[in-house]
């Protein structure tokens, strides 16, 4: 049972591998900023859940064509994440200055990580059916010092992750509590993905193709 991962996220890939699945990585190259802007121009401001679900769907749909000249035969998964604090949505900070500003605002506080999932049944090279869902986890941060923040930002790790933090790497010690599926904070909720497969009539163990 092939699973195509429409993402270049190392965290999502590592999660799936740890869960016994070796996916085929197919980068989606979706212009996320333009996609959100277009959706909001048509429908108004998007909620965090709606935004990550939209981007997850667009990423999965973007790779429905052929790979190496052959149609994709299996399941295509797209995922997206965003962090919410005080009603504002935060994606990747990209620059040290933005990352530092966010950490100063979120230290000692609790925000919510929204993770969008979209799964396409693309068996036999055609789109049969698709389903999506969003998972949310509350993340509480330690009251870290500015020296700790600056040292963390200097590693470069928080610049290209939603919310400017990780839980499975250098940022882990700065998080004191997670309410919800912990894998949601890493990049995708394994429990939610399993539920989507069940909706499509597929049992999770049938996806195991990796020797641990």
Protein backbone atom coordinates (compact mmCIF):
# COMPACT_ATOMS: atom_id res chain seq x y z
CA UNK A 1 0.00 0.00 0.00
CA UNK A 2 1.89 3.10 -1.21
CA UNK A 3 1.66 6.42 0.61
CA UNK A 4 2.85 9.51 -1.23
CA UNK A 5 3.89 12.39 1.03
CA UNK A 6 3.20 15.74 -0.65
CA UNK A 7 5.67 17.53 1.60
CA UNK A 8 9.37 18.09 2.06
CA UNK A 9 9.01 18.41 5.84
CA UNK A 10 11.71 16.32 7.56
CA UNK A 11 9.51 16.17 10.68
CA UNK A 12 6.53 14.64 8.84
CA UNK A 13 8.78 12.14 7.11
CA UNK A 14 10.42 11.15 10.40
CA UNK A 15 7.02 10.73 12.08
CA UNK A 16 5.76 8.39 9.39
CA UNK A 17 8.97 6.40 9.39
CA UNK A 18 8.85 6.01 13.18
CA UNK A 19 5.26 4.75 12.79
CA UNK A 20 6.39 2.02 10.38
CA UNK A 21 5.63 3.76 7.07
CA UNK A 22 8.19 4.60 4.40
CA UNK A 23 6.36 7.09 2.15
CA UNK A 24 7.35 8.22 -1.32
CA UNK A 25 8.15 11.93 -1.02
CA UNK A 26 6.68 14.10 -3.78
CA UNK A 27 7.23 17.86 -3.24
CA UNK A 28 4.12 19.91 -3.93
CA UNK A 29 5.52 23.44 -4.44
CA UNK A 30 2.31 25.23 -3.46
CA UNK A 31 2.46 29.03 -3.12
CA UNK A 32 0.88 29.11 0.34
CA UNK A 33 0.71 32.90 0.65
CA UNK A 34 -1.02 33.31 -2.70
CA UNK A 35 -3.43 30.43 -1.98
CA UNK A 36 -4.53 31.91 1.34
CA UNK A 37 -4.86 35.38 -0.15
CA UNK A 38 -7.06 34.05 -2.97
CA UNK A 39 -9.28 32.13 -0.57
CA UNK A 40 -9.71 35.09 1.74
CA UNK A 41 -10.47 37.41 -1.16
CA UNK A 42 -13.36 35.12 -2.08
CA UNK A 43 -14.61 33.95 1.31
CA UNK A 44 -13.21 36.41 3.88
CA UNK A 45 -10.72 35.72 6.68
CA UNK A 46 -9.97 32.04 7.24
CA UNK A 47 -9.94 30.43 10.67
CA UNK A 48 -6.72 28.59 11.59
CA UNK A 49 -8.45 25.24 11.06
CA UNK A 50 -9.79 26.24 7.65
CA UNK A 51 -6.44 27.64 6.55
CA UNK A 52 -4.34 24.57 7.37
CA UNK A 53 -6.97 22.24 5.90
CA UNK A 54 -7.04 24.30 2.68
CA UNK A 55 -3.26 24.21 2.32
CA UNK A 56 -3.12 20.50 3.13
CA UNK A 57 -5.68 19.85 0.39
CA UNK A 58 -3.87 22.01 -2.16
CA UNK A 59 -0.57 20.26 -1.45
CA UNK A 60 -2.12 16.81 -1.90
CA UNK A 61 -3.96 17.85 -5.07
CA UNK A 62 -0.84 19.44 -6.55
CA UNK A 63 0.91 16.06 -6.92
CA UNK A 64 -1.95 14.05 -8.44
CA UNK A 65 -0.18 13.75 -11.78
CA UNK A 66 2.55 11.36 -12.78
CA UNK A 67 5.81 10.52 -11.04
CA UNK A 68 8.67 9.45 -13.32
CA UNK A 69 6.17 9.14 -16.13
CA UNK A 70 3.81 6.86 -14.24
CA UNK A 71 0.52 7.76 -12.50
CA UNK A 72 0.61 7.76 -8.69
CA UNK A 73 -0.96 4.51 -7.49
CA UNK A 74 -1.81 4.62 -3.80
CA UNK A 75 -2.71 7.31 -1.29
CA UNK A 76 -1.57 10.94 -1.34
CA UNK A 77 -1.21 12.83 1.92
CA UNK A 78 -0.88 16.59 2.28
CA UNK A 79 -0.32 18.35 5.58
CA UNK A 80 0.06 21.88 6.87
CA UNK A 81 0.53 23.49 10.27
CA UNK A 82 0.03 26.90 11.86
CA UNK A 83 0.37 28.24 15.37
CA UNK A 84 -2.30 30.43 16.97
CA UNK A 85 -1.72 32.83 19.85
CA UNK A 86 -4.21 35.49 20.98
CA UNK A 87 -6.29 34.86 17.87
CA UNK A 88 -3.41 35.57 15.48
CA UNK A 89 -2.12 32.91 13.10
CA UNK A 90 1.62 32.32 12.80
CA UNK A 91 3.34 30.24 10.18
CA UNK A 92 7.09 30.05 9.62
CA UNK A 93 8.96 33.16 10.81
CA UNK A 94 11.74 32.85 8.17
CA UNK A 95 13.92 35.54 9.81
CA UNK A 96 15.66 35.70 13.22
CA UNK A 97 13.99 39.02 13.98
CA UNK A 98 10.48 37.65 13.54
CA UNK A 99 11.31 34.46 15.42
CA UNK A 100 12.63 36.46 18.39
CA UNK A 101 9.54 38.67 18.46
CA UNK A 102 7.30 35.62 18.54
CA UNK A 103 9.24 33.93 21.32
CA UNK A 104 9.12 37.04 23.47
CA UNK A 105 5.34 37.02 23.03
CA UNK A 106 4.74 33.31 23.63
CA UNK A 107 7.17 32.42 26.43
CA UNK A 108 5.38 31.41 29.62
CA UNK A 109 2.08 31.21 27.76
CA UNK A 110 -0.16 28.71 25.94
CA UNK A 111 -0.99 28.71 22.24
CA UNK A 112 -2.57 26.22 19.85
CA UNK A 113 -0.93 24.28 17.05
CA UNK A 114 -3.35 23.54 14.21
CA UNK A 115 -2.42 20.71 11.87
CA UNK A 116 -4.35 20.18 8.63
CA UNK A 117 -4.60 16.75 6.97
CA UNK A 118 -5.83 15.82 3.52
CA UNK A 119 -5.81 12.27 2.18
CA UNK A 120 -6.60 11.29 -1.41
CA UNK A 121 -7.37 7.72 -2.44
CA UNK A 122 -5.46 7.60 -5.72
CA UNK A 123 -5.34 3.86 -6.22
CA UNK A 124 -5.14 2.67 -9.83
CA UNK A 125 -3.88 6.11 -10.85
CA UNK A 126 -7.17 7.98 -10.46
CA UNK A 127 -8.68 10.08 -7.69
CA UNK A 128 -11.41 7.97 -6.15
CA UNK A 129 -12.30 9.87 -3.00
CA UNK A 130 -10.66 12.29 -0.56
CA UNK A 131 -11.11 13.31 3.04
CA UNK A 132 -9.66 15.96 5.33
CA UNK A 133 -9.53 16.86 8.99
CA UNK A 134 -7.78 19.24 11.38
CA UNK A 135 -6.16 18.34 14.69
CA UNK A 136 -5.38 20.88 17.42
CA UNK A 137 -3.02 20.67 20.37
CA UNK A 138 -2.47 23.25 23.12
CA UNK A 139 1.22 24.04 23.71
CA UNK A 140 2.48 25.67 26.91
CA UNK A 141 5.93 27.24 26.86
CA UNK A 142 8.45 27.66 29.65
CA UNK A 143 9.27 31.20 30.75
CA UNK A 144 12.59 31.08 28.91
CA UNK A 145 15.18 33.81 29.20
CA UNK A 146 16.19 36.10 26.38
CA UNK A 147 19.62 34.46 26.32
CA UNK A 148 17.96 31.09 25.77
CA UNK A 149 15.78 32.55 23.03
CA UNK A 150 18.75 34.10 21.26
CA UNK A 151 20.77 30.88 21.51
CA UNK A 152 17.87 28.86 20.10
CA UNK A 153 17.31 31.25 17.21
CA UNK A 154 21.04 31.22 16.42
CA UNK A 155 20.77 27.49 15.65
CA UNK A 156 18.44 28.32 12.77
CA UNK A 157 15.99 25.60 13.76
CA UNK A 158 12.96 27.80 14.55
CA UNK A 159 13.10 29.82 11.33
CA UNK A 160 11.34 27.33 9.04
CA UNK A 161 8.78 25.75 11.36
CA UNK A 162 5.27 26.94 12.25
CA UNK A 163 5.26 28.96 15.44
CA UNK A 164 9.07 29.18 15.53
CA UNK A 165 9.45 26.06 17.66
CA UNK A 166 9.85 22.30 17.57
CA UNK A 167 8.99 19.73 20.20
CA UNK A 168 11.05 16.85 18.84
CA UNK A 169 14.40 18.60 18.65
CA UNK A 170 16.22 21.58 20.19
CA UNK A 171 12.98 23.36 21.14
CA UNK A 172 11.64 20.46 23.22
CA UNK A 173 13.06 21.59 26.59
CA UNK A 174 11.28 24.95 26.20
CA UNK A 175 7.84 23.31 26.16
CA UNK A 176 6.34 22.37 29.50
CA UNK A 177 3.00 20.88 28.47
CA UNK A 178 1.05 19.60 25.47
CA UNK A 179 -2.68 18.96 25.62
CA UNK A 180 -3.71 16.84 22.64
CA UNK A 181 -1.95 14.39 20.35
CA UNK A 182 1.78 15.20 20.71
CA UNK A 183 2.48 14.22 17.10
CA UNK A 184 0.21 17.10 16.05
CA UNK A 185 2.88 19.49 17.29
CA UNK A 186 5.58 17.69 15.33
CA UNK A 187 3.84 18.07 11.98
CA UNK A 188 0.88 15.72 11.65
CA UNK A 189 -1.44 13.86 13.98
CA UNK A 190 -0.84 10.15 13.48
CA UNK A 191 -4.13 9.41 15.23
CA UNK A 192 -5.99 11.73 12.86
CA UNK A 193 -4.29 10.25 9.80
CA UNK A 194 -5.29 6.77 10.96
CA UNK A 195 -8.90 7.93 11.26
CA UNK A 196 -8.82 9.27 7.70
CA UNK A 197 -7.55 5.94 6.42
CA UNK A 198 -10.34 4.16 8.28
CA UNK A 199 -12.85 6.47 6.58
CA UNK A 200 -11.42 5.29 3.25
CA UNK A 201 -11.70 1.65 4.28
CA UNK A 202 -8.02 1.05 4.97
CA UNK A 203 -6.64 -0.44 8.20
CA UNK A 204 -3.50 1.22 9.52
CA UNK A 205 -1.36 -1.97 9.81
CA UNK A 206 -1.73 -2.52 6.06
CA UNK A 207 0.44 0.58 5.57
CA UNK A 208 3.42 -0.79 7.48
CA UNK A 209 6.24 -1.23 5.01
CA UNK A 210 9.27 -0.24 7.04
CA UNK A 211 11.39 -2.53 9.18
CA UNK A 212 11.99 -0.83 12.54
